[in-house]
């Protein structure tokens, strides 16, 4: 009401008042359409949960003095063609070392690459200490709503010495744009 009063006060002539009222009406109309469009586009996401498939890859190296065991398992998005799935798969690769050059959509190949890489690296670290070296990673979907999905990276490792290592990180992705 205040805006309309200001328009009437400042304009003084009927054409300007009508033009001001028309412009204000159009702005409000467009704003309400934008909200409705946004609600409609987000509604489609509410009906759809991110479908995943669990992939596990493991390998070991055993000698008379030491053993190395590497295991990586991940819940890969089944649909590799949407932006959300592609971003989750890329994040998985980044968590594992960010050196994989193949298609992120090929989950088994990606995990095998990182298992082999980690096994070779740990074998070069082995310093003559007898015992067992372990490196276990689990990447999984831990939370999902109509608007977002959260993944967790959980690494447990024992590389010799008094105690092991444990790292947990999480990333939340918006379903609407995968960011």
Foldseek 3Di string as FASTA:
>chain_A
DVQLVVQCVPPVDDVSSVVSVVVVVVVVVVVVVVVVVVVVLLVVLQVDDFAWDKDKDKDKDDDPFEIEIEIEIETQGQDCPALQRQLVLQVVLVVLPNPDDDRSNPPNVSRVVSNVVVNVVLVVVDDRHGYYKYKYWYKYWDDDGSFKTKIKIWIWIDNDDDDTDIDIDMDMATPSRND
